[in-house]
Amino acid sequence: MARNLCHRQRPGAEALAEISEVAALEALRANAKAVELLTARRWYVMKSAREAGATWAQIGEALGITKQAAHDFYSRKTEEQEKYLSDLHDTAAARAVLDE
């Protein structure tokens, strides 16, 4: 009886146990790619939040980091864009949201 209860609490436990190592590695690769894509988009969303009036403290809180870490991330990504994408990057608009 306890075994059935355990399976009811963990739906799909048997199916998860049968996932091959290769499938698990593929899932991890997909997860890493999703994180990479979302992190790449983070700069644009931070810029939009600042333009909408959010403080660095609010942005940091939303990301689960300090306001200084949020500011540093944004600043570092802005510098990278200026260096590598200068012809596609609006430096003035990007830097306008840096100051609080």
PDB file of N, CA and C in Angstrom:
ATOM      1  N   MET A   1       0.819  -1.193   0.000  1.00  0.00           N
ATOM      2  CA  MET A   1       0.000   0.000   0.000  1.00  0.00           C
ATOM      3  C   MET A   1       0.869   1.266   0.000  1.00  0.00           C
ATOM      4  N   ALA A   2       1.907   1.261   0.808  1.00  0.00           N
ATOM      5  CA  ALA A   2       2.790   2.423   0.875  1.00  0.00           C
ATOM      6  C   ALA A   2       3.456   2.680  -0.474  1.00  0.00           C
ATOM      7  N   ARG A   3       3.754   1.596  -1.193  1.00  0.00           N
ATOM      8  CA  ARG A   3       4.385   1.758  -2.497  1.00  0.00           C
ATOM      9  C   ARG A   3       3.447   2.471  -3.472  1.00  0.00           C
ATOM     10  N   ASN A   4       2.185   2.122  -3.467  1.00  0.00           N
ATOM     11  CA  ASN A   4       1.219   2.789  -4.335  1.00  0.00           C
ATOM     12  C   ASN A   4       1.079   4.255  -3.988  1.00  0.00           C
ATOM     13  N   LEU A   5       1.107   4.557  -2.719  1.00  0.00           N
ATOM     14  CA  LEU A   5       1.017   5.946  -2.276  1.00  0.00           C
ATOM     15  C   LEU A   5       2.222   6.733  -2.780  1.00  0.00           C
ATOM     16  N   CYS A   6       3.371   6.110  -2.707  1.00  0.00           N
ATOM     17  CA  CYS A   6       4.590   6.746  -3.183  1.00  0.00           C
ATOM     18  C   CYS A   6       4.462   7.089  -4.666  1.00  0.00           C
ATOM     19  N   HIS A   7       3.948   6.166  -5.468  1.00  0.00           N
ATOM     20  CA  HIS A   7       3.791   6.413  -6.888  1.00  0.00           C
ATOM     21  C   HIS A   7       2.737   7.483  -7.159  1.00  0.00           C
ATOM     22  N   ARG A   8       1.727   7.549  -6.324  1.00  0.00           N
ATOM     23  CA  ARG A   8       0.717   8.595  -6.494  1.00  0.00           C
ATOM     24  C   ARG A   8       1.308   9.962  -6.184  1.00  0.00           C
ATOM     25  N   GLN A   9       2.241  10.025  -5.258  1.00  0.00           N
ATOM     26  CA  GLN A   9       2.853  11.301  -4.904  1.00  0.00           C
ATOM     27  C   GLN A   9       3.862  11.743  -5.963  1.00  0.00           C
ATOM     28  N   ARG A  10       4.409  10.794  -6.683  1.00  0.00           N
ATOM     29  CA  ARG A  10       5.398  11.109  -7.694  1.00  0.00           C
ATOM     30  C   ARG A  10       4.937  10.568  -9.041  1.00  0.00           C
ATOM     31  N   PRO A  11       3.993  11.246  -9.667  1.00  0.00           N
ATOM     32  CA  PRO A  11       3.498  10.742 -10.946  1.00  0.00           C
ATOM     33  C   PRO A  11       4.629  10.680 -11.964  1.00  0.00           C
ATOM     34  N   GLY A  12       4.647   9.582 -12.701  1.00  0.00           N
ATOM     35  CA  GLY A  12       5.653   9.428 -13.735  1.00  0.00           C
ATOM     36  C   GLY A  12       7.002   8.960 -13.233  1.00  0.00           C
ATOM     37  N   ALA A  13       7.088   8.548 -11.967  1.00  0.00           N
ATOM     38  CA  ALA A  13       8.372   8.122 -11.401  1.00  0.00           C
ATOM     39  C   ALA A  13       8.949   6.961 -12.189  1.00  0.00           C
ATOM     40  N   GLU A  14       8.116   6.016 -12.595  1.00  0.00           N
ATOM     41  CA  GLU A  14       8.606   4.875 -13.366  1.00  0.00           C
ATOM     42  C   GLU A  14       9.106   5.324 -14.733  1.00  0.00           C
ATOM     43  N   ALA A  15       8.378   6.224 -15.360  1.00  0.00           N
ATOM     44  CA  ALA A  15       8.794   6.720 -16.674  1.00  0.00           C
ATOM     45  C   ALA A  15      10.105   7.483 -16.563  1.00  0.00           C
ATOM     46  N   LEU A  16      10.257   8.276 -15.515  1.00  0.00           N
ATOM     47  CA  LEU A  16      11.508   9.009 -15.322  1.00  0.00           C
ATOM     48  C   LEU A  16      12.680   8.068 -15.111  1.00  0.00           C
ATOM     49  N   ALA A  17      12.454   6.983 -14.411  1.00  0.00           N
ATOM     50  CA  ALA A  17      13.518   6.018 -14.142  1.00  0.00           C
ATOM     51  C   ALA A  17      13.958   5.331 -15.429  1.00  0.00           C
ATOM     52  N   GLU A  18      13.091   5.304 -16.430  1.00  0.00           N
ATOM     53  CA  GLU A  18      13.405   4.618 -17.677  1.00  0.00           C
ATOM     54  C   GLU A  18      14.036   5.531 -18.722  1.00  0.00           C
ATOM     55  N   ILE A  19      14.152   6.818 -18.434  1.00  0.00           N
ATOM     56  CA  ILE A  19      14.766   7.733 -19.391  1.00  0.00           C
ATOM     57  C   ILE A  19      16.224   7.330 -19.572  1.00  0.00           C
ATOM     58  N   SER A  20      16.622   7.195 -20.809  1.00  0.00           N
ATOM     59  CA  SER A  20      17.997   6.791 -21.070  1.00  0.00           C
ATOM     60  C   SER A  20      18.953   7.928 -20.733  1.00  0.00           C
ATOM     61  N   GLU A  21      20.194   7.584 -20.516  1.00  0.00           N
ATOM     62  CA  GLU A  21      21.221   8.578 -20.210  1.00  0.00           C
ATOM     63  C   GLU A  21      21.348   9.576 -21.356  1.00  0.00           C
ATOM     64  N   VAL A  22      21.241   9.102 -22.584  1.00  0.00           N
ATOM     65  CA  VAL A  22      21.345   9.982 -23.739  1.00  0.00           C
ATOM     66  C   VAL A  22      20.199  10.996 -23.737  1.00  0.00           C
ATOM     67  N   ALA A  23      18.983  10.538 -23.467  1.00  0.00           N
ATOM     68  CA  ALA A  23      17.840  11.446 -23.427  1.00  0.00           C
ATOM     69  C   ALA A  23      18.030  12.486 -22.328  1.00  0.00           C
ATOM     70  N   ALA A  24      18.568  12.069 -21.198  1.00  0.00           N
ATOM     71  CA  ALA A  24      18.805  13.008 -20.100  1.00  0.00           C
ATOM     72  C   ALA A  24      19.840  14.045 -20.510  1.00  0.00           C
ATOM     73  N   LEU A  25      20.883  13.623 -21.205  1.00  0.00           N
ATOM     74  CA  LEU A  25      21.904  14.566 -21.665  1.00  0.00           C
ATOM     75  C   LEU A  25      21.337  15.527 -22.703  1.00  0.00           C
ATOM     76  N   GLU A  26      20.477  15.032 -23.568  1.00  0.00           N
ATOM     77  CA  GLU A  26      19.819  15.902 -24.548  1.00  0.00           C
ATOM     78  C   GLU A  26      18.933  16.926 -23.850  1.00  0.00           C
ATOM     79  N   ALA A  27      18.248  16.509 -22.794  1.00  0.00           N
ATOM     80  CA  ALA A  27      17.417  17.436 -22.029  1.00  0.00           C
ATOM     81  C   ALA A  27      18.280  18.516 -21.379  1.00  0.00           C
ATOM     82  N   LEU A  28      19.438  18.130 -20.880  1.00  0.00           N
ATOM     83  CA  LEU A  28      20.346  19.111 -20.286  1.00  0.00           C
ATOM     84  C   LEU A  28      20.873  20.083 -21.335  1.00  0.00           C
ATOM     85  N   ARG A  29      21.176  19.582 -22.526  1.00  0.00           N
ATOM     86  CA  ARG A  29      21.629  20.469 -23.608  1.00  0.00           C
ATOM     87  C   ARG A  29      20.531  21.460 -23.993  1.00  0.00           C
ATOM     88  N   ALA A  30      19.311  20.980 -24.069  1.00  0.00           N
ATOM     89  CA  ALA A  30      18.180  21.853 -24.400  1.00  0.00           C
ATOM     90  C   ALA A  30      17.979  22.893 -23.307  1.00  0.00           C
ATOM     91  N   ASN A  31      18.119  22.477 -22.050  1.00  0.00           N
ATOM     92  CA  ASN A  31      17.998  23.402 -20.929  1.00  0.00           C
ATOM     93  C   ASN A  31      19.075  24.475 -21.009  1.00  0.00           C
ATOM     94  N   ALA A  32      20.307  24.074 -21.286  1.00  0.00           N
ATOM     95  CA  ALA A  32      21.410  25.034 -21.381  1.00  0.00           C
ATOM     96  C   ALA A  32      21.159  26.037 -22.506  1.00  0.00           C
ATOM     97  N   LYS A  33      20.640  25.573 -23.636  1.00  0.00           N
ATOM     98  CA  LYS A  33      20.345  26.465 -24.760  1.00  0.00           C
ATOM     99  C   LYS A  33      19.238  27.448 -24.390  1.00  0.00           C
ATOM    100  N   ALA A  34      18.209  26.970 -23.696  1.00  0.00           N
ATOM    101  CA  ALA A  34      17.121  27.861 -23.268  1.00  0.00           C
ATOM    102  C   ALA A  34      17.644  28.935 -22.317  1.00  0.00           C
ATOM    103  N   VAL A  35      18.483  28.550 -21.386  1.00  0.00           N
ATOM    104  CA  VAL A  35      19.074  29.512 -20.449  1.00  0.00           C
ATOM    105  C   VAL A  35      19.916  30.527 -21.215  1.00  0.00           C
ATOM    106  N   GLU A  36      20.697  30.055 -22.167  1.00  0.00           N
ATOM    107  CA  GLU A  36      21.536  30.948 -22.977  1.00  0.00           C
ATOM    108  C   GLU A  36      20.679  31.970 -23.731  1.00  0.00           C
ATOM    109  N   LEU A  37      19.601  31.503 -24.343  1.00  0.00           N
ATOM    110  CA  LEU A  37      18.725  32.406 -25.092  1.00  0.00           C
ATOM    111  C   LEU A  37      18.044  33.424 -24.184  1.00  0.00           C
ATOM    112  N   LEU A  38      17.584  32.973 -23.031  1.00  0.00           N
ATOM    113  CA  LEU A  38      16.932  33.891 -22.096  1.00  0.00           C
ATOM    114  C   LEU A  38      17.924  34.900 -21.527  1.00  0.00           C
ATOM    115  N   THR A  39      19.130  34.456 -21.231  1.00  0.00           N
ATOM    116  CA  THR A  39      20.154  35.372 -20.710  1.00  0.00           C
ATOM    117  C   THR A  39      20.521  36.407 -21.765  1.00  0.00           C
ATOM    118  N   ALA A  40      20.592  35.992 -23.015  1.00  0.00           N
ATOM    119  CA  ALA A  40      20.889  36.936 -24.090  1.00  0.00           C
ATOM    120  C   ALA A  40      19.794  37.998 -24.198  1.00  0.00           C
ATOM    121  N   ARG A  41      18.581  37.628 -23.949  1.00  0.00           N
ATOM    122  CA  ARG A  41      17.439  38.559 -24.034  1.00  0.00           C
ATOM    123  C   ARG A  41      17.343  39.461 -22.802  1.00  0.00           C
ATOM    124  N   ARG A  42      17.993  39.069 -21.726  1.00  0.00           N
ATOM    125  CA  ARG A  42      17.886  39.797 -20.451  1.00  0.00           C
ATOM    126  C   ARG A  42      18.247  41.281 -20.600  1.00  0.00           C
ATOM    127  N   TRP A  43      19.301  41.597 -21.349  1.00  0.00           N
ATOM    128  CA  TRP A  43      19.732  42.985 -21.496  1.00  0.00           C
ATOM    129  C   TRP A  43      18.601  43.848 -22.045  1.00  0.00           C
ATOM    130  N   TYR A  44      17.913  43.360 -23.076  1.00  0.00           N
ATOM    131  CA  TYR A  44      16.832  44.136 -23.692  1.00  0.00           C
ATOM    132  C   TYR A  44      15.676  44.357 -22.720  1.00  0.00           C
ATOM    133  N   VAL A  45      15.370  43.348 -21.955  1.00  0.00           N
ATOM    134  CA  VAL A  45      14.266  43.456 -20.999  1.00  0.00           C
ATOM    135  C   VAL A  45      14.647  44.405 -19.862  1.00  0.00           C
ATOM    136  N   MET A  46      15.900  44.352 -19.434  1.00  0.00           N
ATOM    137  CA  MET A  46      16.361  45.287 -18.400  1.00  0.00           C
ATOM    138  C   MET A  46      16.276  46.730 -18.907  1.00  0.00           C
ATOM    139  N   LYS A  47      16.686  46.947 -20.141  1.00  0.00           N
ATOM    140  CA  LYS A  47      16.611  48.285 -20.743  1.00  0.00           C
ATOM    141  C   LYS A  47      15.160  48.759 -20.781  1.00  0.00           C
ATOM    142  N   SER A  48      14.266  47.881 -21.200  1.00  0.00           N
ATOM    143  CA  SER A  48      12.842  48.234 -21.246  1.00  0.00           C
ATOM    144  C   SER A  48      12.305  48.563 -19.856  1.00  0.00           C
ATOM    145  N   ALA A  49      12.703  47.777 -18.863  1.00  0.00           N
ATOM    146  CA  ALA A  49      12.253  48.030 -17.491  1.00  0.00           C
ATOM    147  C   ALA A  49      12.747  49.397 -17.004  1.00  0.00           C
ATOM    148  N   ARG A  50      14.007  49.708 -17.291  1.00  0.00           N
ATOM    149  CA  ARG A  50      14.553  51.008 -16.879  1.00  0.00           C
ATOM    150  C   ARG A  50      13.824  52.144 -17.583  1.00  0.00           C
ATOM    151  N   GLU A  51      13.570  51.977 -18.879  1.00  0.00           N
ATOM    152  CA  GLU A  51      12.860  53.011 -19.636  1.00  0.00           C
ATOM    153  C   GLU A  51      11.443  53.198 -19.109  1.00  0.00           C
ATOM    154  N   ALA A  52      10.874  52.151 -18.524  1.00  0.00           N
ATOM    155  CA  ALA A  52       9.531  52.228 -17.945  1.00  0.00           C
ATOM    156  C   ALA A  52       9.558  52.760 -16.513  1.00  0.00           C
ATOM    157  N   GLY A  53      10.757  53.036 -15.982  1.00  0.00           N
ATOM    158  CA  GLY A  53      10.858  53.650 -14.665  1.00  0.00           C
ATOM    159  C   GLY A  53      11.304  52.747 -13.532  1.00  0.00           C
ATOM    160  N   ALA A  54      11.625  51.491 -13.819  1.00  0.00           N
ATOM    161  CA  ALA A  54      12.079  50.582 -12.760  1.00  0.00           C
ATOM    162  C   ALA A  54      13.456  50.999 -12.260  1.00  0.00           C
ATOM    163  N   THR A  55      13.679  50.833 -10.970  1.00  0.00           N
ATOM    164  CA  THR A  55      14.988  51.126 -10.388  1.00  0.00           C
ATOM    165  C   THR A  55      15.888  49.900 -10.536  1.00  0.00           C
ATOM    166  N   TRP A  56      17.195  50.104 -10.337  1.00  0.00           N
ATOM    167  CA  TRP A  56      18.115  48.969 -10.371  1.00  0.00           C
ATOM    168  C   TRP A  56      17.816  48.010  -9.225  1.00  0.00           C
ATOM    169  N   ALA A  57      17.355  48.543  -8.107  1.00  0.00           N
ATOM    170  CA  ALA A  57      16.986  47.676  -6.982  1.00  0.00           C
ATOM    171  C   ALA A  57      15.808  46.778  -7.361  1.00  0.00           C
ATOM    172  N   GLN A  58      14.820  47.333  -8.042  1.00  0.00           N
ATOM    173  CA  GLN A  58      13.664  46.534  -8.472  1.00  0.00           C
ATOM    174  C   GLN A  58      14.071  45.483  -9.497  1.00  0.00           C
ATOM    175  N   ILE A  59      14.930  45.862 -10.413  1.00  0.00           N
ATOM    176  CA  ILE A  59      15.399  44.910 -11.422  1.00  0.00           C
ATOM    177  C   ILE A  59      16.197  43.801 -10.754  1.00  0.00           C
ATOM    178  N   GLY A  60      17.090  44.173  -9.857  1.00  0.00           N
ATOM    179  CA  GLY A  60      17.866  43.178  -9.125  1.00  0.00           C
ATOM    180  C   GLY A  60      16.978  42.221  -8.359  1.00  0.00           C
ATOM    181  N   GLU A  61      15.972  42.768  -7.682  1.00  0.00           N
ATOM    182  CA  GLU A  61      15.040  41.923  -6.926  1.00  0.00           C
ATOM    183  C   GLU A  61      14.316  40.944  -7.852  1.00  0.00           C
ATOM    184  N   ALA A  62      13.878  41.432  -9.012  1.00  0.00           N
ATOM    185  CA  ALA A  62      13.174  40.572  -9.966  1.00  0.00           C
ATOM    186  C   ALA A  62      14.067  39.435 -10.467  1.00  0.00           C
ATOM    187  N   LEU A  63      15.357  39.697 -10.541  1.00  0.00           N
ATOM    188  CA  LEU A  63      16.305  38.693 -11.028  1.00  0.00           C
ATOM    189  C   LEU A  63      16.908  37.848  -9.912  1.00  0.00           C
ATOM    190  N   GLY A  64      16.636  38.226  -8.670  1.00  0.00           N
ATOM    191  CA  GLY A  64      17.199  37.495  -7.538  1.00  0.00           C
ATOM    192  C   GLY A  64      18.662  37.816  -7.297  1.00  0.00           C
ATOM    193  N   ILE A  65      19.062  39.034  -7.687  1.00  0.00           N
ATOM    194  CA  ILE A  65      20.433  39.488  -7.494  1.00  0.00           C
ATOM    195  C   ILE A  65      20.414  40.879  -6.886  1.00  0.00           C
ATOM    196  N   THR A  66      21.568  41.392  -6.525  1.00  0.00           N
ATOM    197  CA  THR A  66      21.627  42.742  -5.958  1.00  0.00           C
ATOM    198  C   THR A  66      21.438  43.780  -7.054  1.00  0.00           C
ATOM    199  N   LYS A  67      21.121  45.003  -6.640  1.00  0.00           N
ATOM    200  CA  LYS A  67      20.987  46.072  -7.629  1.00  0.00           C
ATOM    201  C   LYS A  67      22.326  46.336  -8.305  1.00  0.00           C
ATOM    202  N   GLN A  68      23.415  46.196  -7.556  1.00  0.00           N
ATOM    203  CA  GLN A  68      24.746  46.405  -8.133  1.00  0.00           C
ATOM    204  C   GLN A  68      25.063  45.336  -9.183  1.00  0.00           C
ATOM    205  N   ALA A  69      24.704  44.091  -8.893  1.00  0.00           N
ATOM    206  CA  ALA A  69      24.935  43.010  -9.857  1.00  0.00           C
ATOM    207  C   ALA A  69      24.104  43.226 -11.119  1.00  0.00           C
ATOM    208  N   ALA A  70      22.872  43.692 -10.969  1.00  0.00           N
ATOM    209  CA  ALA A  70      22.019  43.977 -12.129  1.00  0.00           C
ATOM    210  C   ALA A  70      22.634  45.097 -12.962  1.00  0.00           C
ATOM    211  N   HIS A  71      23.054  46.161 -12.305  1.00  0.00           N
ATOM    212  CA  HIS A  71      23.677  47.296 -12.984  1.00  0.00           C
ATOM    213  C   HIS A  71      24.958  46.852 -13.696  1.00  0.00           C
ATOM    214  N   ASP A  72      25.786  46.065 -13.017  1.00  0.00           N
ATOM    215  CA  ASP A  72      27.044  45.600 -13.597  1.00  0.00           C
ATOM    216  C   ASP A  72      26.804  44.716 -14.817  1.00  0.00           C
ATOM    217  N   PHE A  73      25.807  43.821 -14.737  1.00  0.00           N
ATOM    218  CA  PHE A  73      25.472  42.958 -15.873  1.00  0.00           C
ATOM    219  C   PHE A  73      25.075  43.812 -17.073  1.00  0.00           C
ATOM    220  N   TYR A  74      24.180  44.760 -16.841  1.00  0.00           N
ATOM    221  CA  TYR A  74      23.698  45.626 -17.919  1.00  0.00           C
ATOM    222  C   TYR A  74      24.851  46.432 -18.511  1.00  0.00           C
ATOM    223  N   SER A  75      25.670  46.992 -17.662  1.00  0.00           N
ATOM    224  CA  SER A  75      26.799  47.800 -18.106  1.00  0.00           C
ATOM    225  C   SER A  75      27.782  46.967 -18.940  1.00  0.00           C
ATOM    226  N   ARG A  76      28.087  45.776 -18.464  1.00  0.00           N
ATOM    227  CA  ARG A  76      29.013  44.886 -19.171  1.00  0.00           C
ATOM    228  C   ARG A  76      28.457  44.504 -20.548  1.00  0.00           C
ATOM    229  N   LYS A  77      27.171  44.187 -20.607  1.00  0.00           N
ATOM    230  CA  LYS A  77      26.557  43.815 -21.887  1.00  0.00           C
ATOM    231  C   LYS A  77      26.500  45.021 -22.833  1.00  0.00           C
ATOM    232  N   THR A  78      26.292  46.212 -22.294  1.00  0.00           N
ATOM    233  CA  THR A  78      26.285  47.421 -23.112  1.00  0.00           C
ATOM    234  C   THR A  78      27.659  47.627 -23.741  1.00  0.00           C
ATOM    235  N   GLU A  79      28.700  47.466 -22.932  1.00  0.00           N
ATOM    236  CA  GLU A  79      30.062  47.608 -23.448  1.00  0.00           C
ATOM    237  C   GLU A  79      30.369  46.567 -24.523  1.00  0.00           C
ATOM    238  N   GLU A  80      29.903  45.344 -24.339  1.00  0.00           N
ATOM    239  CA  GLU A  80      30.111  44.300 -25.350  1.00  0.00           C
ATOM    240  C   GLU A  80      29.424  44.665 -26.663  1.00  0.00           C
ATOM    241  N   GLN A  81      28.215  45.198 -26.562  1.00  0.00           N
ATOM    242  CA  GLN A  81      27.498  45.585 -27.768  1.00  0.00           C
ATOM    243  C   GLN A  81      28.194  46.740 -28.470  1.00  0.00           C
ATOM    244  N   GLU A  82      28.704  47.689 -27.698  1.00  0.00           N
ATOM    245  CA  GLU A  82      29.429  48.809 -28.288  1.00  0.00           C
ATOM    246  C   GLU A  82      30.686  48.325 -29.008  1.00  0.00           C
ATOM    247  N   LYS A  83      31.331  47.334 -28.434  1.00  0.00           N
ATOM    248  CA  LYS A  83      32.569  46.818 -29.004  1.00  0.00           C
ATOM    249  C   LYS A  83      32.321  45.965 -30.249  1.00  0.00           C
ATOM    250  N   TYR A  84      31.350  45.065 -30.177  1.00  0.00           N
ATOM    251  CA  TYR A  84      31.153  44.091 -31.241  1.00  0.00           C
ATOM    252  C   TYR A  84      30.022  44.412 -32.212  1.00  0.00           C
ATOM    253  N   LEU A  85      29.081  45.244 -31.803  1.00  0.00           N
ATOM    254  CA  LEU A  85      27.920  45.549 -32.648  1.00  0.00           C
ATOM    255  C   LEU A  85      27.703  47.048 -32.784  1.00  0.00           C
ATOM    256  N   SER A  86      28.779  47.793 -32.848  1.00  0.00           N
ATOM    257  CA  SER A  86      28.663  49.251 -32.818  1.00  0.00           C
ATOM    258  C   SER A  86      27.772  49.811 -33.923  1.00  0.00           C
ATOM    259  N   ASP A  87      27.766  49.186 -35.097  1.00  0.00           N
ATOM    260  CA  ASP A  87      26.936  49.689 -36.187  1.00  0.00           C
ATOM    261  C   ASP A  87      25.458  49.359 -36.006  1.00  0.00           C
ATOM    262  N   LEU A  88      25.130  48.419 -35.117  1.00  0.00           N
ATOM    263  CA  LEU A  88      23.738  48.035 -34.865  1.00  0.00           C
ATOM    264  C   LEU A  88      23.240  48.490 -33.502  1.00  0.00           C
ATOM    265  N   HIS A  89      24.062  49.194 -32.756  1.00  0.00           N
ATOM    266  CA  HIS A  89      23.788  49.496 -31.352  1.00  0.00           C
ATOM    267  C   HIS A  89      23.546  50.986 -31.154  1.00  0.00           C
ATOM    268  N   ASP A  90      22.481  51.325 -30.467  1.00  0.00           N
ATOM    269  CA  ASP A  90      22.181  52.718 -30.123  1.00  0.00           C
ATOM    270  C   ASP A  90      22.806  53.010 -28.757  1.00  0.00           C
ATOM    271  N   THR A  91      24.040  53.444 -28.778  1.00  0.00           N
ATOM    272  CA  THR A  91      24.806  53.669 -27.555  1.00  0.00           C
ATOM    273  C   THR A  91      24.136  54.673 -26.632  1.00  0.00           C
ATOM    274  N   ALA A  92      23.637  55.766 -27.184  1.00  0.00           N
ATOM    275  CA  ALA A  92      23.023  56.802 -26.349  1.00  0.00           C
ATOM    276  C   ALA A  92      21.811  56.248 -25.595  1.00  0.00           C
ATOM    277  N   ALA A  93      20.967  55.507 -26.281  1.00  0.00           N
ATOM    278  CA  ALA A  93      19.773  54.940 -25.632  1.00  0.00           C
ATOM    279  C   ALA A  93      20.151  53.899 -24.584  1.00  0.00           C
ATOM    280  N   ALA A  94      21.151  53.095 -24.886  1.00  0.00           N
ATOM    281  CA  ALA A  94      21.591  52.058 -23.950  1.00  0.00           C
ATOM    282  C   ALA A  94      22.197  52.688 -22.691  1.00  0.00           C
ATOM    283  N   ARG A  95      22.987  53.719 -22.879  1.00  0.00           N
ATOM    284  CA  ARG A  95      23.649  54.357 -21.727  1.00  0.00           C
ATOM    285  C   ARG A  95      22.698  55.271 -20.939  1.00  0.00           C
ATOM    286  N   ALA A  96      21.653  55.738 -21.590  1.00  0.00           N
ATOM    287  CA  ALA A  96      20.712  56.643 -20.909  1.00  0.00           C
ATOM    288  C   ALA A  96      20.050  56.003 -19.703  1.00  0.00           C
ATOM    289  N   VAL A  97      19.910  54.698 -19.692  1.00  0.00           N
ATOM    290  CA  VAL A  97      19.219  54.030 -18.581  1.00  0.00           C
ATOM    291  C   VAL A  97      20.189  53.573 -17.485  1.00  0.00           C
ATOM    292  N   LEU A  98      21.496  53.790 -17.680  1.00  0.00           N
ATOM    293  CA  LEU A  98      22.469  53.345 -16.686  1.00  0.00           C
ATOM    294  C   LEU A  98      22.391  54.148 -15.386  1.00  0.00           C
ATOM    295  N   ASP A  99      22.199  55.428 -15.483  1.00  0.00           N
ATOM    296  CA  ASP A  99      22.162  56.268 -14.284  1.00  0.00           C
ATOM    297  C   ASP A  99      20.828  56.171 -13.564  1.00  0.00           C
ATOM    298  N   GLU A 100      20.897  56.273 -12.254  1.00  0.00           N
ATOM    299  CA  GLU A 100      19.661  56.225 -11.470  1.00  0.00           C
ATOM    300  C   GLU A 100      19.354  57.574 -10.891  1.00  0.00           C
TER     301      GLU A 100
END
